[in-house]
């Protein structure tokens, strides 16, 4: 049963990742995977919509398979995972870090704001909140590196 669930999620996830890559405007569309009970994840997705992104939300009871398929380690985990073009956005990533990602187009798997940083989008937004966003690779062959510092 577990293998079937993983395969189903893998197909689901691959399909949405492919549709993101095939999108006419890959810088506008993201799919957010979250639990149905998380208000801060909904707040982050709403902030993305208000910023002009087209957001599809998929509620799942268990995000562990999505995180595994996304190369997100426990150290990098936030409370939701988004697929954005070829990138993963893990947790409460700020708009400025997404802008930097779009501008620089680095050869990475994604960026992560680990945990649930106070003052981040969806977490009582405060433009002066200080927290770090890390870049990570698909195979984790390299240690995550600092990508962006919010509040600086």
N, C-alpha and C. Protein backbone atom coordinates (compact mmCIF):
# COMPACT_ATOMS: atom_id res chain seq x y z
N UNK A 1 0.83 -1.19 0.00
CA UNK A 1 0.00 0.00 0.00
C UNK A 1 0.87 1.26 0.00
N UNK A 2 1.91 1.31 0.82
CA UNK A 2 2.77 2.48 0.90
C UNK A 2 3.47 2.72 -0.44
N UNK A 3 3.96 1.67 -1.10
CA UNK A 3 4.62 1.83 -2.38
C UNK A 3 3.65 2.41 -3.40
N UNK A 4 2.41 1.93 -3.39
CA UNK A 4 1.40 2.46 -4.30
C UNK A 4 1.15 3.94 -4.06
N UNK A 5 1.10 4.33 -2.79
CA UNK A 5 0.88 5.74 -2.45
C UNK A 5 2.04 6.59 -2.93
N UNK A 6 3.27 6.09 -2.73
CA UNK A 6 4.45 6.83 -3.17
C UNK A 6 4.46 6.97 -4.69
N UNK A 7 4.13 5.88 -5.39
CA UNK A 7 4.09 5.95 -6.84
C UNK A 7 3.02 6.92 -7.32
N UNK A 8 1.87 6.90 -6.67
CA UNK A 8 0.79 7.83 -7.05
C UNK A 8 1.21 9.27 -6.82
N UNK A 9 1.83 9.54 -5.68
CA UNK A 9 2.29 10.89 -5.40
C UNK A 9 3.40 11.29 -6.36
N UNK A 10 4.27 10.34 -6.69
CA UNK A 10 5.35 10.61 -7.64
C UNK A 10 4.80 11.00 -9.00
N UNK A 11 3.79 10.29 -9.46
CA UNK A 11 3.17 10.62 -10.74
C UNK A 11 2.47 11.97 -10.65
N UNK A 12 1.75 12.20 -9.56
CA UNK A 12 1.07 13.47 -9.35
C UNK A 12 2.07 14.61 -9.34
N UNK A 13 3.12 14.45 -8.55
CA UNK A 13 4.13 15.48 -8.41
C UNK A 13 4.84 15.73 -9.73
N UNK A 14 5.23 14.66 -10.43
CA UNK A 14 5.91 14.79 -11.72
C UNK A 14 5.01 15.51 -12.72
N UNK A 15 3.74 15.20 -12.71
CA UNK A 15 2.80 15.85 -13.62
C UNK A 15 2.72 17.34 -13.37
N UNK A 16 2.65 17.75 -12.11
CA UNK A 16 2.58 19.18 -11.82
C UNK A 16 3.91 19.85 -12.09
N UNK A 17 5.02 19.17 -11.82
CA UNK A 17 6.32 19.76 -12.12
C UNK A 17 6.44 19.95 -13.63
N UNK A 18 6.02 18.96 -14.41
CA UNK A 18 6.08 19.07 -15.86
C UNK A 18 5.18 20.19 -16.35
N UNK A 19 3.98 20.29 -15.81
CA UNK A 19 3.08 21.35 -16.26
C UNK A 19 3.66 22.72 -15.92
N UNK A 20 4.38 22.82 -14.81
CA UNK A 20 5.02 24.09 -14.48
C UNK A 20 6.08 24.43 -15.52
N UNK A 21 6.88 23.44 -15.90
CA UNK A 21 7.94 23.68 -16.87
C UNK A 21 7.36 24.01 -18.25
N UNK A 22 6.24 23.39 -18.57
CA UNK A 22 5.64 23.58 -19.88
C UNK A 22 4.76 24.82 -19.95
N UNK A 23 4.55 25.47 -18.84
CA UNK A 23 3.68 26.64 -18.77
C UNK A 23 4.18 27.75 -19.69
N UNK A 24 3.24 28.47 -20.29
CA UNK A 24 3.61 29.57 -21.17
C UNK A 24 4.38 30.63 -20.40
N UNK A 25 4.10 30.81 -19.15
CA UNK A 25 4.79 31.79 -18.32
C UNK A 25 5.21 31.10 -17.03
N UNK A 26 6.34 30.41 -17.09
CA UNK A 26 6.76 29.61 -15.94
C UNK A 26 7.06 30.46 -14.72
N UNK A 27 7.22 31.76 -14.88
CA UNK A 27 7.48 32.63 -13.73
C UNK A 27 6.21 33.10 -13.07
N UNK A 28 5.09 32.60 -13.49
CA UNK A 28 3.83 33.03 -12.92
C UNK A 28 3.08 31.93 -12.19
N UNK A 29 3.36 30.67 -12.46
CA UNK A 29 2.57 29.57 -11.93
C UNK A 29 3.32 28.78 -10.87
N UNK A 30 2.64 28.47 -9.78
CA UNK A 30 3.22 27.57 -8.77
C UNK A 30 2.13 26.67 -8.20
N UNK A 31 2.55 25.49 -7.82
CA UNK A 31 1.67 24.54 -7.14
C UNK A 31 2.16 24.42 -5.70
N UNK A 32 1.26 24.65 -4.75
CA UNK A 32 1.61 24.61 -3.33
C UNK A 32 1.00 23.35 -2.71
N UNK A 33 1.85 22.51 -2.14
CA UNK A 33 1.42 21.31 -1.42
C UNK A 33 1.44 21.63 0.06
N UNK A 34 0.30 21.47 0.72
CA UNK A 34 0.20 21.79 2.14
C UNK A 34 -0.82 20.86 2.79
N UNK A 35 -0.87 20.88 4.10
CA UNK A 35 -1.91 20.12 4.79
C UNK A 35 -3.18 20.97 4.81
N UNK A 36 -4.34 20.32 4.90
CA UNK A 36 -5.59 21.09 4.87
C UNK A 36 -5.82 21.94 6.11
N UNK A 37 -5.02 21.76 7.14
CA UNK A 37 -5.26 22.41 8.42
C UNK A 37 -4.34 23.60 8.68
N UNK A 38 -3.44 23.89 7.77
CA UNK A 38 -2.41 24.89 8.03
C UNK A 38 -2.81 26.27 7.51
N UNK A 39 -3.14 27.16 8.42
CA UNK A 39 -3.52 28.52 8.05
C UNK A 39 -2.36 29.36 7.57
N UNK A 40 -1.17 29.14 8.12
CA UNK A 40 -0.03 29.95 7.69
C UNK A 40 0.37 29.62 6.25
N UNK A 41 0.20 28.36 5.85
CA UNK A 41 0.48 27.97 4.47
C UNK A 41 -0.51 28.64 3.53
N UNK A 42 -1.75 28.68 3.94
CA UNK A 42 -2.78 29.36 3.15
C UNK A 42 -2.44 30.85 3.04
N UNK A 43 -1.98 31.44 4.13
CA UNK A 43 -1.58 32.84 4.13
C UNK A 43 -0.44 33.10 3.16
N UNK A 44 0.55 32.20 3.11
CA UNK A 44 1.67 32.34 2.19
C UNK A 44 1.17 32.24 0.74
N UNK A 45 0.32 31.25 0.47
CA UNK A 45 -0.23 31.08 -0.88
C UNK A 45 -1.04 32.31 -1.30
N UNK A 46 -1.81 32.87 -0.38
CA UNK A 46 -2.57 34.09 -0.68
C UNK A 46 -1.64 35.26 -0.98
N UNK A 47 -0.53 35.36 -0.25
CA UNK A 47 0.44 36.42 -0.51
C UNK A 47 1.05 36.24 -1.89
N UNK A 48 1.28 35.00 -2.31
CA UNK A 48 1.81 34.74 -3.64
C UNK A 48 0.79 35.18 -4.70
N UNK A 49 -0.47 34.88 -4.46
CA UNK A 49 -1.54 35.30 -5.39
C UNK A 49 -1.61 36.81 -5.50
N UNK A 50 -1.55 37.49 -4.35
CA UNK A 50 -1.61 38.95 -4.34
C UNK A 50 -0.41 39.57 -5.06
N UNK A 51 0.71 38.84 -5.06
CA UNK A 51 1.92 39.32 -5.74
C UNK A 51 1.87 39.06 -7.24
N UNK A 52 0.80 38.39 -7.71
CA UNK A 52 0.63 38.19 -9.14
C UNK A 52 0.90 36.79 -9.64
N UNK A 53 1.20 35.87 -8.74
CA UNK A 53 1.43 34.49 -9.15
C UNK A 53 0.11 33.75 -9.26
N UNK A 54 0.04 32.83 -10.19
CA UNK A 54 -1.11 31.93 -10.31
C UNK A 54 -0.80 30.72 -9.42
N UNK A 55 -1.62 30.49 -8.41
CA UNK A 55 -1.32 29.49 -7.39
C UNK A 55 -2.38 28.39 -7.40
N UNK A 56 -1.91 27.16 -7.49
CA UNK A 56 -2.79 26.00 -7.33
C UNK A 56 -2.41 25.35 -6.00
N UNK A 57 -3.39 25.14 -5.15
CA UNK A 57 -3.14 24.53 -3.84
C UNK A 57 -3.62 23.08 -3.88
N UNK A 58 -2.76 22.19 -3.41
CA UNK A 58 -3.13 20.78 -3.26
C UNK A 58 -2.96 20.42 -1.80
N UNK A 59 -4.05 20.08 -1.15
CA UNK A 59 -4.02 19.67 0.26
C UNK A 59 -3.76 18.18 0.36
N UNK A 60 -2.80 17.81 1.20
CA UNK A 60 -2.46 16.42 1.47
C UNK A 60 -2.34 16.24 2.98
N UNK A 61 -2.76 15.10 3.46
CA UNK A 61 -2.65 14.81 4.90
C UNK A 61 -1.18 14.66 5.32
N UNK A 62 -0.35 14.13 4.43
CA UNK A 62 1.05 13.83 4.76
C UNK A 62 1.93 14.39 3.64
N UNK A 63 2.84 15.27 3.98
CA UNK A 63 3.71 15.90 2.99
C UNK A 63 5.08 15.23 2.88
N UNK A 64 5.31 14.17 3.63
CA UNK A 64 6.65 13.57 3.67
C UNK A 64 7.10 13.07 2.30
N UNK A 65 6.21 12.47 1.51
CA UNK A 65 6.60 11.99 0.20
C UNK A 65 6.92 13.16 -0.74
N UNK A 66 6.14 14.22 -0.67
CA UNK A 66 6.40 15.40 -1.50
C UNK A 66 7.77 15.98 -1.15
N UNK A 67 8.06 16.07 0.13
CA UNK A 67 9.35 16.61 0.55
C UNK A 67 10.49 15.71 0.08
N UNK A 68 10.30 14.42 0.17
CA UNK A 68 11.33 13.48 -0.29
C UNK A 68 11.54 13.61 -1.79
N UNK A 69 10.47 13.66 -2.56
CA UNK A 69 10.57 13.82 -4.01
C UNK A 69 11.18 15.17 -4.40
N UNK A 70 11.07 16.14 -3.52
CA UNK A 70 11.58 17.48 -3.78
C UNK A 70 13.01 17.69 -3.31
N UNK A 71 13.62 16.66 -2.71
CA UNK A 71 14.98 16.73 -2.16
C UNK A 71 15.08 17.63 -0.95
N UNK A 72 13.98 17.77 -0.21
CA UNK A 72 13.96 18.60 0.99
C UNK A 72 14.30 17.73 2.20
N UNK A 73 15.38 18.07 2.88
CA UNK A 73 15.79 17.33 4.07
C UNK A 73 15.04 17.86 5.30
N UNK A 74 15.12 17.13 6.38
CA UNK A 74 14.50 17.58 7.64
C UNK A 74 15.08 18.93 8.06
N UNK A 75 16.36 19.13 7.82
CA UNK A 75 17.04 20.38 8.18
C UNK A 75 16.47 21.59 7.43
N UNK A 76 15.96 21.38 6.22
CA UNK A 76 15.44 22.47 5.39
C UNK A 76 13.92 22.60 5.44
N UNK A 77 13.26 21.63 6.02
CA UNK A 77 11.80 21.54 5.93
C UNK A 77 11.07 22.73 6.54
N UNK A 78 10.05 23.16 5.82
CA UNK A 78 9.09 24.14 6.29
C UNK A 78 7.75 23.44 6.36
N UNK A 79 6.68 24.19 6.43
CA UNK A 79 5.37 23.54 6.57
C UNK A 79 4.65 23.35 5.26
N UNK A 80 5.19 23.83 4.15
CA UNK A 80 4.59 23.56 2.84
C UNK A 80 5.71 23.51 1.80
N UNK A 81 5.39 22.91 0.66
CA UNK A 81 6.34 22.79 -0.44
C UNK A 81 5.65 23.27 -1.71
N UNK A 82 6.32 24.15 -2.44
CA UNK A 82 5.76 24.65 -3.70
C UNK A 82 6.69 24.28 -4.86
N UNK A 83 6.07 23.95 -5.99
CA UNK A 83 6.80 23.73 -7.22
C UNK A 83 6.61 24.99 -8.06
N UNK A 84 7.73 25.56 -8.49
CA UNK A 84 7.72 26.82 -9.22
C UNK A 84 8.67 26.70 -10.41
N UNK A 85 8.11 26.43 -11.59
CA UNK A 85 8.97 26.15 -12.74
C UNK A 85 9.80 24.93 -12.44
N UNK A 86 11.11 25.03 -12.59
CA UNK A 86 11.99 23.90 -12.30
C UNK A 86 12.46 23.89 -10.85
N UNK A 87 12.00 24.85 -10.06
CA UNK A 87 12.48 25.01 -8.69
C UNK A 87 11.47 24.56 -7.64
N UNK A 88 11.99 24.26 -6.46
CA UNK A 88 11.20 23.98 -5.27
C UNK A 88 11.33 25.20 -4.35
N UNK A 89 10.20 25.63 -3.81
CA UNK A 89 10.18 26.69 -2.80
C UNK A 89 9.69 26.02 -1.52
N UNK A 90 10.54 25.89 -0.55
CA UNK A 90 10.20 25.19 0.68
C UNK A 90 9.96 26.19 1.80
N UNK A 91 8.76 26.12 2.35
CA UNK A 91 8.44 26.96 3.49
C UNK A 91 8.09 28.38 3.11
N UNK A 92 8.25 29.28 4.07
CA UNK A 92 7.81 30.67 3.95
C UNK A 92 8.85 31.54 3.25
N UNK A 93 9.16 31.17 2.01
CA UNK A 93 10.14 31.90 1.21
C UNK A 93 9.59 33.28 0.89
N UNK A 94 10.37 34.34 1.12
CA UNK A 94 9.88 35.70 0.84
C UNK A 94 9.90 36.03 -0.65
N UNK A 95 9.08 36.99 -1.03
CA UNK A 95 8.99 37.41 -2.43
C UNK A 95 10.34 37.87 -2.97
N UNK A 96 11.12 38.54 -2.16
CA UNK A 96 12.43 39.03 -2.62
C UNK A 96 13.36 37.87 -3.00
N UNK A 97 13.29 36.77 -2.27
CA UNK A 97 14.12 35.61 -2.61
C UNK A 97 13.64 34.97 -3.91
N UNK A 98 12.33 34.97 -4.14
CA UNK A 98 11.79 34.45 -5.40
C UNK A 98 12.23 35.35 -6.55
N UNK A 99 12.19 36.66 -6.35
CA UNK A 99 12.67 37.59 -7.37
C UNK A 99 14.13 37.32 -7.71
N UNK A 100 14.93 37.08 -6.69
CA UNK A 100 16.35 36.78 -6.91
C UNK A 100 16.49 35.47 -7.68
N UNK A 101 15.70 34.48 -7.35
CA UNK A 101 15.73 33.19 -8.04
C UNK A 101 15.40 33.38 -9.52
N UNK A 102 14.38 34.14 -9.81
CA UNK A 102 13.97 34.41 -11.20
C UNK A 102 15.07 35.17 -11.94
N UNK A 103 15.64 36.15 -11.29
CA UNK A 103 16.67 36.98 -11.91
C UNK A 103 17.96 36.21 -12.20
N UNK A 104 18.42 35.42 -11.22
CA UNK A 104 19.71 34.75 -11.34
C UNK A 104 19.64 33.38 -12.01
N UNK A 105 18.49 32.72 -11.93
CA UNK A 105 18.31 31.37 -12.51
C UNK A 105 19.48 30.43 -12.18
N UNK A 106 19.77 30.26 -10.88
CA UNK A 106 20.90 29.41 -10.51
C UNK A 106 20.62 27.93 -10.81
N UNK A 107 21.69 27.17 -10.93
CA UNK A 107 21.57 25.74 -11.17
C UNK A 107 21.46 25.01 -9.82
N UNK A 108 20.27 25.11 -9.24
CA UNK A 108 19.99 24.49 -7.94
C UNK A 108 18.64 23.79 -8.02
N UNK A 109 18.32 22.98 -7.03
CA UNK A 109 17.01 22.34 -6.97
C UNK A 109 15.96 23.31 -6.43
N UNK A 110 16.35 24.11 -5.43
CA UNK A 110 15.38 25.03 -4.87
C UNK A 110 15.94 25.86 -3.74
N UNK A 111 15.01 26.60 -3.12
CA UNK A 111 15.37 27.43 -1.97
C UNK A 111 14.41 27.13 -0.83
N UNK A 112 14.91 27.28 0.39
CA UNK A 112 14.13 26.91 1.57
C UNK A 112 14.30 27.92 2.68
N UNK A 113 13.16 28.23 3.31
CA UNK A 113 13.14 29.00 4.54
C UNK A 113 12.73 28.00 5.63
N UNK A 114 13.70 27.35 6.27
CA UNK A 114 13.39 26.28 7.21
C UNK A 114 12.50 26.71 8.37
N UNK A 115 11.71 25.77 8.85
CA UNK A 115 10.85 26.01 10.00
C UNK A 115 9.69 26.92 9.64
N UNK A 116 9.31 27.74 10.58
CA UNK A 116 8.21 28.67 10.39
C UNK A 116 8.66 30.02 10.94
N UNK A 117 9.50 30.75 10.18
CA UNK A 117 10.09 31.99 10.71
C UNK A 117 9.04 33.05 11.08
N UNK A 118 9.11 33.51 12.29
CA UNK A 118 8.21 34.58 12.75
C UNK A 118 8.42 35.81 11.89
N UNK A 119 7.33 36.41 11.47
CA UNK A 119 7.40 37.61 10.66
C UNK A 119 7.47 37.36 9.16
N UNK A 120 7.58 36.09 8.75
CA UNK A 120 7.61 35.78 7.32
C UNK A 120 6.19 35.85 6.75
N UNK A 121 6.08 35.82 5.42
CA UNK A 121 4.76 35.82 4.79
C UNK A 121 3.94 34.65 5.33
N UNK A 122 2.75 34.92 5.79
CA UNK A 122 1.90 33.88 6.37
C UNK A 122 2.11 33.70 7.87
N UNK A 123 3.17 34.27 8.39
CA UNK A 123 3.50 34.13 9.81
C UNK A 123 3.56 35.50 10.48
N UNK A 124 2.49 36.27 10.32
CA UNK A 124 2.43 37.61 10.92
C UNK A 124 3.40 38.55 10.27
N UNK A 125 3.34 38.64 8.97
CA UNK A 125 4.32 39.36 8.15
C UNK A 125 4.84 40.64 8.81
N UNK A 126 6.17 40.74 8.85
CA UNK A 126 6.88 41.92 9.33
C UNK A 126 8.05 42.12 8.37
N UNK A 127 8.04 43.23 7.65
CA UNK A 127 9.08 43.46 6.65
C UNK A 127 10.48 43.51 7.25
N UNK A 128 10.60 43.69 8.55
CA UNK A 128 11.90 43.72 9.22
C UNK A 128 12.30 42.39 9.83
N UNK A 129 11.46 41.36 9.66
CA UNK A 129 11.78 40.04 10.21
C UNK A 129 13.10 39.54 9.60
N UNK A 130 13.91 38.94 10.45
CA UNK A 130 15.22 38.44 10.00
C UNK A 130 15.21 36.92 10.03
N UNK A 131 15.47 36.34 8.87
CA UNK A 131 15.63 34.89 8.75
C UNK A 131 16.37 34.58 7.46
N UNK A 132 16.92 33.38 7.38
CA UNK A 132 17.74 32.99 6.24
C UNK A 132 16.98 32.08 5.29
N UNK A 133 17.33 32.19 4.02
CA UNK A 133 16.81 31.32 2.97
C UNK A 133 18.02 30.62 2.36
N UNK A 134 17.94 29.29 2.23
CA UNK A 134 19.06 28.49 1.76
C UNK A 134 18.78 27.89 0.39
N UNK A 135 19.83 27.80 -0.43
CA UNK A 135 19.76 27.10 -1.71
C UNK A 135 20.20 25.66 -1.47
N UNK A 136 19.56 24.73 -2.17
CA UNK A 136 19.94 23.32 -2.03
C UNK A 136 19.94 22.64 -3.39
N UNK A 137 20.75 21.57 -3.48
CA UNK A 137 20.87 20.81 -4.72
C UNK A 137 19.94 19.60 -4.69
N UNK A 138 19.74 19.02 -5.86
CA UNK A 138 18.82 17.88 -5.95
C UNK A 138 19.32 16.65 -5.20
N UNK A 139 20.61 16.35 -5.36
CA UNK A 139 21.13 15.14 -4.72
C UNK A 139 21.79 15.41 -3.37
N UNK A 140 21.71 16.63 -2.92
CA UNK A 140 22.29 17.04 -1.64
C UNK A 140 23.78 16.74 -1.57
N UNK A 141 24.44 16.71 -2.74
CA UNK A 141 25.89 16.48 -2.77
C UNK A 141 26.64 17.67 -2.20
N UNK A 142 25.99 18.81 -2.19
CA UNK A 142 26.58 20.00 -1.60
C UNK A 142 25.74 20.42 -0.41
N UNK A 143 26.41 20.93 0.59
CA UNK A 143 25.70 21.43 1.76
C UNK A 143 24.86 22.64 1.34
N UNK A 144 23.64 22.79 1.88
CA UNK A 144 22.84 23.98 1.56
C UNK A 144 23.63 25.25 1.86
N UNK A 145 23.48 26.23 0.99
CA UNK A 145 24.21 27.48 1.14
C UNK A 145 23.24 28.64 1.32
N UNK A 146 23.71 29.69 1.96
CA UNK A 146 22.88 30.87 2.17
C UNK A 146 22.57 31.47 0.81
N UNK A 147 21.30 31.71 0.54
CA UNK A 147 20.85 32.28 -0.72
C UNK A 147 20.35 33.72 -0.55
N UNK A 148 19.66 33.96 0.57
CA UNK A 148 19.05 35.27 0.80
C UNK A 148 18.85 35.46 2.30
N UNK A 149 19.02 36.68 2.78
CA UNK A 149 18.75 37.00 4.18
C UNK A 149 17.61 38.02 4.24
N UNK A 150 16.49 37.60 4.78
CA UNK A 150 15.35 38.50 4.93
C UNK A 150 15.64 39.49 6.04
N UNK A 151 15.12 40.70 5.89
CA UNK A 151 15.27 41.72 6.92
C UNK A 151 16.55 42.48 6.89
N UNK A 152 17.33 42.30 5.83
CA UNK A 152 18.61 43.03 5.72
C UNK A 152 18.50 44.13 4.70
